[in-house]
Each structure stands twice: as structure tokens, then as C-alpha cells.
């Protein structure tokens, strides 16, 4: 697949895919650390330690917002119809399985593309000699 095409695998985000860990130093993290030191130095020190040990304040905030949204969601866990609840659970399991299979497929595509690019590089290097 052409790397410049809009359907390139690099544009697909797969939950749980292996990615390079980003730096914990984000504007929000720096602001939280500075604010922590202004309010109380132990709080600023705790934020600094969290960032240095690989945490990202952005991820912490995102998880807190997601958990808040989940806590305020008013959809019941059960609809009261056992047959529908069973069907819904089976469908969700099937979708999760398909998502995992798709993630594996995309990973195989990435590996194949990387292998092809590497072979192309090696062949062009041999031709230059």
C-alpha cells in the first residue's frame, strides 16, 4: 500500500496497538507541576515524580474524565430482557474478537510494509556499489 494514500495503515488507530511511549513533558504536565509547586511544594514534587516515572498528566486527566463520564452515564447494565442481554453480550464479545483479529491483521500489514521497504533499501544499496 502506498504510504501517501489516505487509507495507509499509519492513519488507523487501533486500541492496544504497540506505539512508542511519548514523553511525559506536555504543556499540561508542566503547568500542573508549576501549579503544584505554587500551591504546596509536596504536590509539585509528586507531579514531578509522576512525570519522571513515565506518567503523563494528559493521560491521567483523560482517564479521570472518562471515568466521570462513565459514572454519570444513565444506561442500565441490564435491559430487563434476559434474551436481549444475552444477545448483546454475545455480540459485544464477537466485536471485541473481530477488533483483536483486525489489530493483528494491521500489525501483519505493517510488518510486511516494513520488510518491503527494508528489502528495497538493501537492493538500492547493492545497486550503488
Protein backbone atom coordinates (compact mmCIF):
# COMPACT_ATOMS: atom_id res chain seq x y z
CA UNK A 1 0.00 0.00 0.00
CA UNK A 2 1.29 3.43 -0.87
CA UNK A 3 2.40 5.40 2.19
CA UNK A 4 0.87 8.57 0.78
CA UNK A 5 -2.58 7.08 0.25
CA UNK A 6 -5.32 8.21 2.67
CA UNK A 7 -6.05 4.60 3.60
CA UNK A 8 -2.50 3.91 4.70
CA UNK A 9 -2.19 1.85 7.88
CA UNK A 10 -0.41 4.72 9.59
CA UNK A 11 -3.75 6.56 9.75
CA UNK A 12 -5.52 3.70 11.51
CA UNK A 13 -5.63 3.88 15.28
CA UNK A 14 -6.03 0.52 16.96
CA UNK A 15 -6.69 0.35 20.67
CA UNK A 16 -3.88 -1.53 22.36
CA UNK A 17 -1.52 -1.24 19.39
CA UNK A 18 2.15 -1.03 20.18
CA UNK A 19 3.35 2.53 19.99
CA UNK A 20 6.48 4.29 21.07
CA UNK A 21 5.99 5.81 24.52
CA UNK A 22 5.63 9.56 24.35
CA UNK A 23 7.44 11.90 26.67
CA UNK A 24 5.65 12.85 29.87
CA UNK A 25 6.59 16.50 29.40
CA UNK A 26 3.47 18.08 27.97
CA UNK A 27 2.24 21.64 28.46
CA UNK A 28 -0.47 20.39 30.80
CA UNK A 29 2.08 18.40 32.79
CA UNK A 30 4.41 21.36 33.17
CA UNK A 31 1.51 23.61 34.16
CA UNK A 32 0.33 21.06 36.73
CA UNK A 33 3.83 20.79 38.19
CA UNK A 34 4.29 24.57 38.41
CA UNK A 35 0.83 24.99 39.94
CA UNK A 36 1.61 22.16 42.36
CA UNK A 37 4.81 23.88 43.49
CA UNK A 38 2.93 27.19 43.88
CA UNK A 39 0.13 25.64 45.96
CA UNK A 40 2.23 23.27 48.04
CA UNK A 41 5.74 22.06 47.25
CA UNK A 42 4.97 18.37 48.09
CA UNK A 43 2.21 18.41 45.48
CA UNK A 44 4.60 19.81 42.86
CA UNK A 45 7.18 17.23 43.85
CA UNK A 46 4.58 14.47 43.48
CA UNK A 47 3.67 15.68 39.98
CA UNK A 48 7.37 15.86 39.05
CA UNK A 49 7.92 12.30 40.31
CA UNK A 50 4.86 11.08 38.38
CA UNK A 51 6.18 12.63 35.15
CA UNK A 52 9.73 11.33 35.68
CA UNK A 53 8.48 7.78 36.27
CA UNK A 54 6.85 7.81 32.85
CA UNK A 55 3.37 9.07 33.58
CA UNK A 56 1.59 11.67 31.51
CA UNK A 57 -0.69 14.17 33.17
CA UNK A 58 -2.73 14.29 29.93
CA UNK A 59 -3.45 10.55 30.23
CA UNK A 60 -4.34 10.98 33.90
CA UNK A 61 -6.80 13.76 33.06
CA UNK A 62 -8.29 11.76 30.16
CA UNK A 63 -8.84 8.72 32.40
CA UNK A 64 -10.46 10.90 35.07
CA UNK A 65 -12.81 12.49 32.52
CA UNK A 66 -13.67 9.09 31.02
CA UNK A 67 -14.41 7.61 34.44
CA UNK A 68 -16.54 10.65 35.29
CA UNK A 69 -18.47 10.25 32.04
CA UNK A 70 -18.92 6.55 32.80
CA UNK A 71 -20.17 7.32 36.30
CA UNK A 72 -22.71 9.84 35.02
CA UNK A 73 -23.97 7.65 32.19
CA UNK A 74 -27.52 6.59 32.93
CA UNK A 75 -27.72 3.46 30.80
CA UNK A 76 -28.57 0.43 32.91
CA UNK A 77 -26.35 -2.64 32.77
CA UNK A 78 -29.39 -4.80 32.10
CA UNK A 79 -32.40 -4.06 29.93
CA UNK A 80 -34.63 -6.42 31.89
CA UNK A 81 -34.93 -8.75 28.90
CA UNK A 82 -32.64 -11.72 29.53
CA UNK A 83 -32.66 -12.88 25.89
CA UNK A 84 -31.67 -9.46 24.60
CA UNK A 85 -28.99 -9.04 27.28
CA UNK A 86 -27.52 -12.41 26.29
CA UNK A 87 -27.60 -11.44 22.59
CA UNK A 88 -25.99 -8.07 23.37
CA UNK A 89 -23.20 -9.69 25.41
CA UNK A 90 -22.51 -12.24 22.65
CA UNK A 91 -22.45 -9.51 20.01
CA UNK A 92 -20.03 -7.40 22.06
CA UNK A 93 -17.75 -10.40 22.59
CA UNK A 94 -17.82 -11.06 18.83
CA UNK A 95 -17.00 -7.43 18.07
CA UNK A 96 -14.09 -7.47 20.54
CA UNK A 97 -12.77 -10.65 18.93
CA UNK A 98 -13.04 -9.09 15.46
CA UNK A 99 -11.28 -5.99 16.71
CA UNK A 100 -8.41 -8.12 18.06
CA UNK A 101 -8.20 -10.02 14.76
CA UNK A 102 -8.19 -6.77 12.82
CA UNK A 103 -5.43 -5.36 15.05
CA UNK A 104 -3.35 -8.47 14.32
CA UNK A 105 -4.04 -8.09 10.58
CA UNK A 106 -2.98 -4.43 10.62
CA UNK A 107 0.19 -5.38 12.52
CA UNK A 108 0.97 -8.01 9.85
CA UNK A 109 0.44 -5.36 7.15
CA UNK A 110 2.82 -3.02 8.93
CA UNK A 111 5.44 -5.73 9.24
CA UNK A 112 5.08 -6.63 5.56
CA UNK A 113 5.39 -2.96 4.56
CA UNK A 114 8.46 -2.54 6.76
CA UNK A 115 10.00 -5.71 5.33
CA UNK A 116 9.31 -4.48 1.77
CA UNK A 117 10.82 -1.06 2.49
CA UNK A 118 13.89 -2.66 4.06
CA UNK A 119 14.38 -5.01 1.09
CA UNK A 120 14.01 -2.06 -1.28
CA UNK A 121 16.62 -0.16 0.72
CA UNK A 122 19.03 -3.09 0.70
CA UNK A 123 18.56 -3.62 -3.06
CA UNK A 124 19.18 0.07 -3.79
CA UNK A 125 22.26 -0.05 -1.58
CA UNK A 126 23.62 -3.06 -3.52
CA UNK A 127 22.97 -1.29 -6.85
CA UNK A 128 25.00 1.76 -5.74
CA UNK A 129 28.13 -0.36 -5.13
